[in-house]
Protein backbone atom coordinates (compact mmCIF):
# COMPACT_ATOMS: atom_id res chain seq x y z
CA MET A 1 23.00 -22.62 -6.48
CA ASP A 2 22.38 -22.72 -10.24
CA LEU A 3 19.16 -21.57 -11.86
CA PRO A 4 17.41 -24.67 -13.29
CA ARG A 5 18.09 -25.10 -17.03
CA GLN A 6 14.52 -26.16 -17.68
CA GLY A 7 11.47 -24.30 -16.48
CA ARG A 8 9.12 -25.82 -13.94
CA PRO A 9 5.32 -26.19 -13.84
CA VAL A 10 3.40 -23.32 -12.28
CA ASP A 11 1.75 -25.46 -9.61
CA ASP A 12 5.11 -26.81 -8.43
CA ILE A 13 6.54 -23.32 -8.15
CA ILE A 14 3.58 -22.02 -6.16
CA ALA A 15 3.73 -25.05 -3.88
CA ASP A 16 7.38 -24.26 -3.15
CA LEU A 17 6.50 -20.67 -2.29
CA GLU A 18 3.75 -21.85 0.03
CA ARG A 19 6.25 -24.06 1.83
CA LYS A 20 8.68 -21.18 2.18
CA ARG A 21 6.00 -19.12 3.94
CA VAL A 22 5.43 -21.64 6.73
CA GLY A 23 7.83 -19.88 9.11
CA ASP A 24 6.59 -16.35 8.37
CA VAL A 25 4.56 -14.40 10.90
CA ARG A 26 0.83 -15.00 10.65
CA TRP A 27 -0.29 -11.39 10.42
CA GLN A 28 -3.74 -12.59 9.34
CA ASP A 29 -4.25 -13.89 12.89
CA GLY A 30 -3.79 -10.42 14.39
CA LYS A 31 -0.79 -11.45 16.48
CA THR A 32 1.79 -9.35 14.64
CA PHE A 33 2.28 -5.78 15.83
CA GLY A 34 3.62 -4.11 12.73
CA MET A 35 5.01 -4.92 9.28
CA VAL A 36 1.60 -5.56 7.68
CA TYR A 37 -1.62 -3.63 8.26
CA ASP A 38 -4.96 -5.27 7.59
CA GLY A 39 -7.82 -3.06 6.49
CA GLY A 40 -10.29 -5.91 6.12
CA PRO A 41 -11.76 -8.04 3.28
CA GLY A 42 -13.02 -5.11 1.21
CA VAL A 43 -9.59 -3.49 1.26
CA HIS A 44 -7.99 -6.80 0.29
CA GLU A 45 -10.30 -7.22 -2.67
CA VAL A 46 -9.95 -3.75 -4.14
CA ALA A 47 -6.16 -3.76 -3.65
CA GLU A 48 -5.73 -7.17 -5.26
CA ARG A 49 -7.93 -6.33 -8.23
CA ALA A 50 -6.15 -3.03 -8.79
CA ALA A 51 -2.79 -4.77 -8.44
CA MET A 52 -3.62 -7.25 -11.18
CA LEU A 53 -4.57 -4.39 -13.52
CA TYR A 54 -1.17 -2.74 -12.97
CA LEU A 55 1.04 -5.77 -12.39
CA HIS A 56 3.33 -4.95 -15.33
CA GLU A 57 2.96 -1.17 -15.75
CA ASN A 58 5.97 1.10 -15.25
CA ALA A 59 5.77 4.67 -13.92
CA LEU A 60 9.24 5.47 -15.27
CA ASN A 61 7.51 7.20 -18.18
CA THR A 62 4.02 8.52 -17.56
CA LYS A 63 3.75 9.57 -21.19
CA ALA A 64 3.50 5.87 -21.92
CA PHE A 65 1.24 5.28 -18.91
CA PRO A 66 -0.65 8.55 -18.34
CA SER A 67 -3.00 6.78 -15.94
CA LEU A 68 -0.10 6.41 -13.50
CA GLY A 69 0.57 10.12 -13.75
CA GLU A 70 -3.07 10.75 -12.83
CA ILE A 71 -2.90 8.24 -9.99
CA GLN A 72 0.20 9.89 -8.56
CA SER A 73 -1.25 13.39 -8.78
CA GLU A 74 -4.53 12.34 -7.16
CA VAL A 75 -2.97 10.43 -4.25
CA VAL A 76 -0.64 13.36 -3.61
CA ARG A 77 -3.51 15.83 -3.74
CA TRP A 78 -5.72 13.77 -1.41
CA THR A 79 -2.88 13.38 1.08
CA ALA A 80 -2.07 17.09 0.96
CA GLY A 81 -5.71 17.80 1.74
CA LEU A 82 -5.61 15.54 4.80
CA LEU A 83 -2.46 17.29 6.01
CA HIS A 84 -3.88 20.79 5.45
CA GLY A 85 -1.47 21.59 2.66
CA PRO A 86 -1.97 24.91 0.88
CA ASP A 87 -3.11 25.03 -2.74
CA SER A 88 0.55 25.27 -3.70
CA ALA A 89 1.46 21.92 -2.09
CA ALA A 90 3.10 19.39 -4.38
CA GLY A 91 4.79 16.05 -4.09
CA PHE A 92 5.48 12.61 -5.50
CA LEU A 93 4.87 8.98 -4.66
CA THR A 94 7.78 6.89 -3.42
CA SER A 95 8.39 3.26 -2.51
CA GLY A 96 8.19 3.86 1.25
CA GLY A 97 9.08 6.03 4.18
CA THR A 98 12.83 5.66 3.79
CA GLU A 99 12.72 6.91 0.20
CA SER A 100 10.39 9.76 1.16
CA ILE A 101 12.83 10.80 3.89
CA GLN A 102 15.74 10.53 1.47
CA CYS A 103 13.90 12.84 -0.93
CA ALA A 104 13.27 15.39 1.83
CA VAL A 105 16.95 15.35 2.84
CA LEU A 106 18.03 15.73 -0.78
CA ALA A 107 15.66 18.66 -1.30
CA ALA A 108 17.04 20.39 1.79
CA ARG A 109 20.62 19.88 0.65
CA GLU A 110 19.95 21.21 -2.83
CA ARG A 111 17.99 24.21 -1.55
CA GLY A 112 20.84 25.03 0.82
CA ARG A 113 23.28 24.95 -2.05
CA ALA A 114 21.13 26.97 -4.43
CA GLU A 115 19.76 29.62 -2.09
CA ARG A 116 22.38 29.88 0.66
CA GLY A 117 25.59 28.72 -0.98
CA ILE A 118 26.09 25.93 1.57
CA HIS A 119 27.88 22.99 -0.02
CA ALA A 120 28.18 20.74 3.05
CA GLY A 121 24.73 21.30 4.50
CA GLU A 122 24.14 19.89 7.98
CA ILE A 123 21.17 17.98 9.43
CA VAL A 124 19.90 18.25 13.01
CA VAL A 125 17.76 15.44 14.40
CA ALA A 126 16.82 14.04 17.78
CA GLU A 127 17.99 10.59 18.81
CA SER A 128 14.40 9.44 18.32
CA ALA A 129 14.38 10.35 14.62
CA HIS A 130 14.17 7.48 12.17
CA ALA A 131 17.42 5.83 11.13
CA ALA A 132 16.62 6.76 7.53
CA PHE A 133 17.86 10.30 8.24
CA HIS A 134 21.25 8.90 9.20
CA LYS A 135 21.21 6.66 6.13
CA SER A 136 20.48 9.73 4.01
CA ALA A 137 23.27 11.70 5.64
CA HIS A 138 25.64 8.83 4.84
CA MET A 139 24.46 8.59 1.24
CA TYR A 140 24.68 12.33 0.59
CA ASP A 141 27.86 12.86 2.64
CA MET A 142 26.18 15.37 4.95
CA PRO A 143 27.16 16.04 8.57
CA ILE A 144 24.35 15.07 10.95
CA HIS A 145 24.03 16.20 14.56
CA THR A 146 21.97 14.13 16.99
CA THR A 147 20.45 15.70 20.07
CA PRO A 148 18.90 14.07 23.16
CA VAL A 149 15.23 13.75 23.97
CA ARG A 150 13.48 14.90 27.12
CA ALA A 151 12.13 12.65 29.83
CA ASP A 152 8.86 12.39 27.91
CA TRP A 153 10.80 11.16 24.81
CA THR A 154 10.05 14.28 22.74
CA VAL A 155 12.71 16.49 21.17
CA ASP A 156 14.74 18.58 23.61
CA VAL A 157 14.29 21.90 21.82
CA GLU A 158 17.05 23.67 23.74
CA ALA A 159 19.54 20.93 22.88
CA MET A 160 18.45 21.08 19.26
CA ALA A 161 18.90 24.88 19.23
CA SER A 162 22.47 24.43 20.45
CA ALA A 163 23.22 22.05 17.59
CA ILE A 164 21.99 24.37 14.83
CA THR A 165 24.61 26.37 12.94
CA ASP A 166 24.69 28.67 9.93
CA ASP A 167 25.34 25.55 7.82
CA THR A 168 22.17 23.74 8.96
CA VAL A 169 19.92 23.00 6.00
CA LEU A 170 17.46 20.57 7.63
CA VAL A 171 15.85 20.28 11.06
CA VAL A 172 13.61 17.26 11.73
CA GLY A 173 10.60 16.53 13.90
CA SER A 174 8.40 13.43 14.04
CA ALA A 175 4.64 13.02 14.26
CA PRO A 176 4.82 10.67 15.98
CA GLN A 177 8.34 9.36 16.40
CA TYR A 178 8.60 5.60 16.03
CA PRO A 179 10.29 4.34 19.22
CA GLN A 180 7.80 5.60 21.84
CA GLY A 181 5.01 7.00 19.67
CA VAL A 182 4.99 10.62 20.91
CA VAL A 183 4.61 13.73 18.76
CA ASP A 184 7.51 16.18 18.80
CA PRO A 185 6.95 19.93 19.39
CA ILE A 186 6.76 20.78 15.70
CA PRO A 187 6.08 24.56 16.01
CA GLU A 188 9.23 25.02 18.09
CA ILE A 189 11.28 22.89 15.71
CA ALA A 190 9.97 24.82 12.71
CA SER A 191 10.93 28.08 14.40
CA LEU A 192 14.46 26.80 14.95
CA ALA A 193 14.74 25.88 11.28
CA ALA A 194 13.42 29.29 10.23
CA SER A 195 15.99 31.06 12.39
CA VAL A 196 18.75 29.98 9.99
CA GLY A 197 16.70 29.58 6.81
CA ALA A 198 16.75 25.76 6.93
CA ASN A 199 14.08 23.33 5.86
CA CYS A 200 11.83 21.79 8.52
CA HIS A 201 10.74 18.26 7.69
CA VAL A 202 8.04 16.41 9.63
CA ASP A 203 8.39 12.64 9.51
CA ALA A 204 4.77 11.50 9.61
CA CYS A 205 5.42 8.16 7.96
CA MET A 206 3.74 6.54 10.97
CA GLY A 207 1.18 9.24 11.69
CA GLY A 208 0.18 10.69 8.35
CA PHE A 209 -2.79 8.35 8.01
CA VAL A 210 -3.67 8.28 11.72
CA LEU A 211 -3.42 11.78 13.18
CA PRO A 212 -5.85 13.48 10.74
CA PHE A 213 -8.55 10.93 11.52
CA ALA A 214 -7.77 10.84 15.23
CA GLU A 215 -8.37 14.59 15.23
CA MET A 216 -11.71 14.04 13.50
CA LEU A 217 -12.57 11.62 16.30
CA GLY A 218 -11.96 14.37 18.85
CA ARG A 219 -8.61 13.17 20.14
CA GLU A 220 -6.30 16.03 21.11
CA ILE A 221 -3.49 16.34 18.59
CA PRO A 222 -0.64 18.84 19.02
CA PRO A 223 0.04 21.00 15.95
CA TRP A 224 2.20 19.12 13.47
CA ASP A 225 1.13 19.45 9.81
CA PHE A 226 1.16 22.23 7.19
CA ARG A 227 -0.92 24.39 9.51
CA VAL A 228 2.36 24.98 11.32
CA GLU A 229 4.13 27.90 9.69
CA GLY A 230 7.63 26.90 8.69
CA VAL A 231 6.98 23.24 7.89
CA HIS A 232 8.49 22.70 4.44
CA SER A 233 7.89 19.01 3.84
CA ILE A 234 6.08 16.00 5.29
CA SER A 235 6.44 12.27 4.63
CA ALA A 236 3.39 10.00 5.04
CA ASP A 237 3.17 6.28 4.27
CA VAL A 238 0.03 5.01 2.57
CA HIS A 239 1.25 1.45 3.07
CA LYS A 240 1.21 1.72 6.84
CA LEU A 241 -2.03 2.88 8.47
CA GLY A 242 -3.28 3.92 5.04
CA TYR A 243 -3.78 0.14 4.66
CA ALA A 244 -2.40 -0.07 1.11
CA PRO A 245 -0.07 -2.91 0.11
CA LYS A 246 3.68 -2.28 0.17
CA GLY A 247 5.20 -0.03 -1.05
CA ILE A 248 3.70 3.42 -1.44
CA SER A 249 4.52 6.58 0.46
CA VAL A 250 4.00 10.28 -0.20
CA ILE A 251 6.57 13.05 0.06
CA LEU A 252 4.88 16.44 0.20
CA HIS A 253 6.38 19.91 -0.13
CA ARG A 254 4.67 23.17 0.71
CA THR A 255 5.26 24.48 -2.85
CA LYS A 256 6.31 23.24 -6.26
CA GLU A 257 9.37 25.45 -5.94
CA LEU A 258 10.47 23.45 -2.89
CA ARG A 259 9.61 20.17 -4.60
CA ARG A 260 11.88 20.87 -7.58
CA TYR A 261 14.92 20.56 -5.32
CA GLN A 262 14.34 16.81 -5.01
CA THR A 263 14.00 16.20 -8.76
CA TRP A 264 16.94 15.35 -11.01
CA VAL A 265 17.14 15.99 -14.73
CA PHE A 266 19.86 15.15 -17.26
CA ASP A 267 20.24 15.35 -21.03
CA ARG A 268 23.99 15.05 -21.58
CA TRP A 269 23.91 11.50 -22.88
CA LEU A 270 22.67 9.80 -26.05
CA GLY A 271 19.30 8.81 -24.64
CA GLY A 272 17.59 12.20 -24.60
CA PHE A 273 16.06 14.04 -21.66
CA TYR A 274 15.93 12.02 -18.43
CA GLY A 275 13.98 13.20 -15.43
CA SER A 276 13.70 11.43 -12.06
CA PRO A 277 11.25 12.75 -9.46
CA ASN A 278 12.62 10.57 -6.67
CA LEU A 279 15.37 8.00 -6.15
CA GLN A 280 14.06 5.32 -8.47
CA GLY A 281 14.09 5.09 -12.23
CA THR A 282 11.69 2.29 -13.01
CA ARG A 283 8.72 2.41 -10.65
CA SER A 284 6.16 -0.33 -10.40
CA GLY A 285 2.64 0.83 -11.12
CA LEU A 286 1.20 -1.90 -8.89
CA PRO A 287 1.57 -0.27 -5.45
CA MET A 288 0.57 3.11 -6.85
CA ALA A 289 -2.67 1.74 -8.30
CA ALA A 290 -3.39 -0.39 -5.25
CA GLY A 291 -2.85 2.58 -2.94
CA TRP A 292 -5.11 4.76 -5.07
CA ALA A 293 -7.80 2.07 -5.01
CA VAL A 294 -7.63 1.56 -1.24
CA MET A 295 -7.92 5.29 -0.57
CA GLN A 296 -10.94 5.51 -2.86
CA HIS A 297 -12.52 2.44 -1.31
CA LEU A 298 -12.17 3.64 2.27
CA GLY A 299 -12.72 7.37 1.90
CA VAL A 300 -12.56 9.61 4.95
CA ASP A 301 -15.34 7.74 6.76
CA GLY A 302 -13.64 4.39 6.27
CA TYR A 303 -10.36 5.74 7.61
CA VAL A 304 -12.10 7.28 10.59
CA ASP A 305 -13.66 3.91 11.43
CA LEU A 306 -10.34 2.08 11.10
CA THR A 307 -8.58 4.71 13.18
CA ARG A 308 -11.24 4.52 15.89
CA GLN A 309 -10.71 0.77 16.13
CA THR A 310 -6.94 1.14 16.05
CA LEU A 311 -6.91 3.66 18.89
CA GLU A 312 -9.28 1.52 20.95
CA ASN A 313 -6.92 -1.44 20.45
CA ALA A 314 -3.89 0.60 21.50
CA ASP A 315 -5.66 2.12 24.51
CA ARG A 316 -6.67 -1.33 25.73
CA MET A 317 -3.13 -2.62 25.28
CA ARG A 318 -1.66 0.27 27.28
CA ALA A 319 -4.25 -0.20 30.01
CA GLY A 320 -3.52 -3.94 30.16
CA ILE A 321 0.22 -3.40 30.44
CA ALA A 322 -0.31 -0.84 33.22
CA GLU A 323 -2.10 -3.50 35.30
CA ILE A 324 0.82 -5.94 35.19
CA ASP A 325 3.62 -5.58 37.73
CA GLY A 326 7.13 -5.62 36.27
CA VAL A 327 6.51 -3.91 32.93
CA ARG A 328 5.54 -0.40 31.86
CA VAL A 329 4.73 1.67 28.79
CA LEU A 330 7.38 4.19 27.78
CA GLY A 331 6.09 7.75 27.37
CA ASP A 332 2.61 9.17 27.22
CA GLY A 333 1.83 8.07 23.68
CA ASP A 334 -1.82 8.55 22.90
CA TYR A 335 -1.99 6.99 19.48
CA HIS A 336 -1.13 3.65 17.89
CA LEU A 337 2.49 3.02 18.90
CA VAL A 338 3.27 1.23 22.17
CA ALA A 339 6.72 0.57 23.62
CA MET A 340 6.80 -1.81 26.60
CA ALA A 341 9.86 -1.86 28.85
CA THR A 342 11.01 -3.22 32.20
CA ASP A 343 9.51 -1.34 35.14
CA ASP A 344 12.61 -0.49 37.12
CA ASP A 345 10.46 0.78 40.00
CA SER A 346 8.92 -2.65 40.47
CA ASP A 347 10.07 -4.92 43.29
CA ASP A 348 10.17 -7.72 40.71
CA PRO A 349 11.03 -6.25 37.27
CA VAL A 350 10.86 -8.41 34.17
CA ASP A 351 13.45 -8.64 31.40
CA VAL A 352 11.46 -7.56 28.35
CA PHE A 353 13.57 -9.54 25.88
CA ALA A 354 12.94 -12.73 27.81
CA LEU A 355 9.31 -11.69 27.85
CA GLY A 356 9.37 -11.13 24.10
CA ASP A 357 10.78 -14.62 23.55
CA ALA A 358 8.00 -16.13 25.64
CA LEU A 359 5.34 -14.16 23.79
CA LEU A 360 6.80 -15.22 20.44
CA GLN A 361 6.42 -18.86 21.47
CA ARG A 362 2.70 -18.10 21.68
CA GLY A 363 2.72 -16.43 18.26
CA TRP A 364 2.94 -12.77 19.32
CA PHE A 365 5.53 -10.88 17.27
CA HIS A 366 7.06 -7.57 18.42
CA ASP A 367 10.06 -5.62 17.22
CA ARG A 368 12.85 -5.42 19.80
CA GLN A 369 14.42 -2.00 20.25
CA GLY A 370 16.64 0.04 22.50
CA PRO A 371 18.00 1.83 24.35
CA PRO A 372 16.22 1.31 26.62
CA ASP A 373 15.41 -2.33 25.91
CA SER A 374 11.76 -2.49 24.90
CA LEU A 375 9.22 -4.38 22.85
CA HIS A 376 7.65 -2.23 20.16
CA SER A 377 4.11 -2.56 18.88
CA THR A 378 2.56 -0.76 15.95
CA VAL A 379 -1.07 -1.38 16.77
CA SER A 380 -3.61 -1.27 13.95
CA ASN A 381 -6.94 -2.61 12.84
CA SER A 382 -5.07 -5.88 12.23
CA ASN A 383 -5.13 -6.53 15.97
CA THR A 384 -8.87 -6.14 16.40
CA GLY A 385 -10.42 -8.94 18.43
CA VAL A 386 -7.20 -10.26 19.97
CA ILE A 387 -6.14 -7.59 22.48
CA ASP A 388 -7.83 -9.24 25.47
CA ARG A 389 -6.16 -12.53 24.60
CA TYR A 390 -2.85 -10.69 24.24
CA VAL A 391 -3.15 -9.10 27.68
CA ASN A 392 -3.96 -12.50 29.23
CA ASP A 393 -0.97 -14.13 27.51
CA LEU A 394 1.20 -11.18 28.54
CA ALA A 395 0.32 -11.63 32.20
CA GLU A 396 1.03 -15.35 32.02
CA CYS A 397 4.34 -14.80 30.22
CA VAL A 398 5.42 -12.18 32.76
CA ALA A 399 4.84 -14.72 35.53
CA GLN A 400 6.68 -17.36 33.49
CA VAL A 401 9.88 -15.36 32.91
CA ARG A 402 10.31 -13.56 36.24
CA GLY A 403 13.96 -13.89 37.20
CA ASP A 404 15.02 -14.89 33.67
CA ARG A 405 17.27 -12.90 31.39
CA ALA A 406 17.47 -13.45 27.64
CA ASP A 407 20.94 -14.17 26.29
CA ASP A 408 20.09 -12.59 22.94
CA ARG A 409 20.15 -8.79 23.40
CA SER A 410 20.01 -7.95 19.68
CA THR A 411 17.59 -5.38 18.33
CA ALA A 412 17.78 -6.08 14.60
CA TYR A 413 15.19 -4.00 12.77
CA SER A 414 15.83 -5.17 9.22
CA THR A 415 17.67 -7.66 7.04
CA VAL A 416 21.20 -6.96 5.82
CA GLU A 417 22.04 -10.38 4.34
C-alpha cells in the first residue's frame, strides 16, 4: 500500500498500465454502447495533438493562459450558435454534464434568492431527469419534487404543474432524456416555469451535439432549444456525441445577466480577488483544447456526417430488436438512445439482465437500468460496421437465455468505491 521509495523506469510503468487495461471494455471494437464515442482517426489525431500542447496548462487563471480564455469563449459561442442562442447568450466550459447541471441549478437558486426573495428554492423534475439534478439538490440543500412520466416516457405536464409552487426556482426538461431517449415537451415545461418566474433548464447533455445536426438531416425534431421562449439555460456535452475526449461540457444561459448567478467571487482573504465561473478552481486546459480542436476539425459538415451514421446505426438496432420475440424497445425514441426491455406481451418473454450477461460474454457492453429493467445503449459512430453482427448475436443470446433469470439485479451506473 506504500508508494515506492524509489522511482521506476518509464517503460515499466507504462507496461503496468497496459496490463491494468486488459479487463476494460474494448470500445475501439465498436461493441460498447456508451462511455466513449469514436469520431474516427482524424478526430483521434487532432485531439491527441491538441492534448499534448495543453497537457500542463491551467484554466484557473486565463490571464496567465489567455489562449484558454479564447478557447472557452469560442467553444461557447459555437455551441450557442448550434442551439439558436440569441446574441446575448453566454456560458462557460465545465468538466462534464453533471457539473453543467450543477451550475444550472446553482444559477436558478441564486436568481430565486436575488430576484424573488426565495431562500429555499425548490426544483421540479420528472422521474426521467438525470440523477445529477438530485445530486445538486442534495449539495445545495434544495427541496426537489419528482413527477411521473406519461406512457410514452415524456414528462407528464399536468403532474409537473401540480408540483410547482410559489417557491419553485427551477423546472427541468430533457432533450432527450437519458433512460428512453425521448424529447420532453419543452415549450409546455417552459410555460410552467414562466408562470411562477422560475428558470427553465433543458438538459441536452445527450442531445446537444445530435439534435441540431439531425434537424439539418431532415429528421423531425420537437422544439427544445433557445428558440423556445422561456428556456433560460441548456447543458450540452462536447465529450459525448461532440466526439471530444473527456471531459468538456458547455453550460449556456440566455443572457450574461442569467450567467452571473452561477459565478462566485470572493476577496475577503489574503490572496486577493478570487473568481470561479463554475464548480472547479483549477481546470485542466487539455480537454478544453482538445474539444476546441475536434469541433474545428469536424465543422458542421463533419458533425452532420457522423450524426447521419449514428442515426442509421440506431435505426437498424431498433429495427433488429423489433424482429426478435421476447424483447422490445421502450418508447418511440427517434435518435441515438435505445432502451431494450422484456416484452411482457410475448408468449415467451426474456429476462433482459440475463440477456445482458450473455451479450457481455460476447463482448457487448450495455448499461443496466430500471425501473423497468432494461439494457441501455447510447449508439454513436463508434458502433458503425457492427450493428448487423450485434443483431445476430442478440437473436442467438435471446434463444440461449429463454427461461433464465439473472440473480444479479443491480443497475449500478457509476463507481462509488
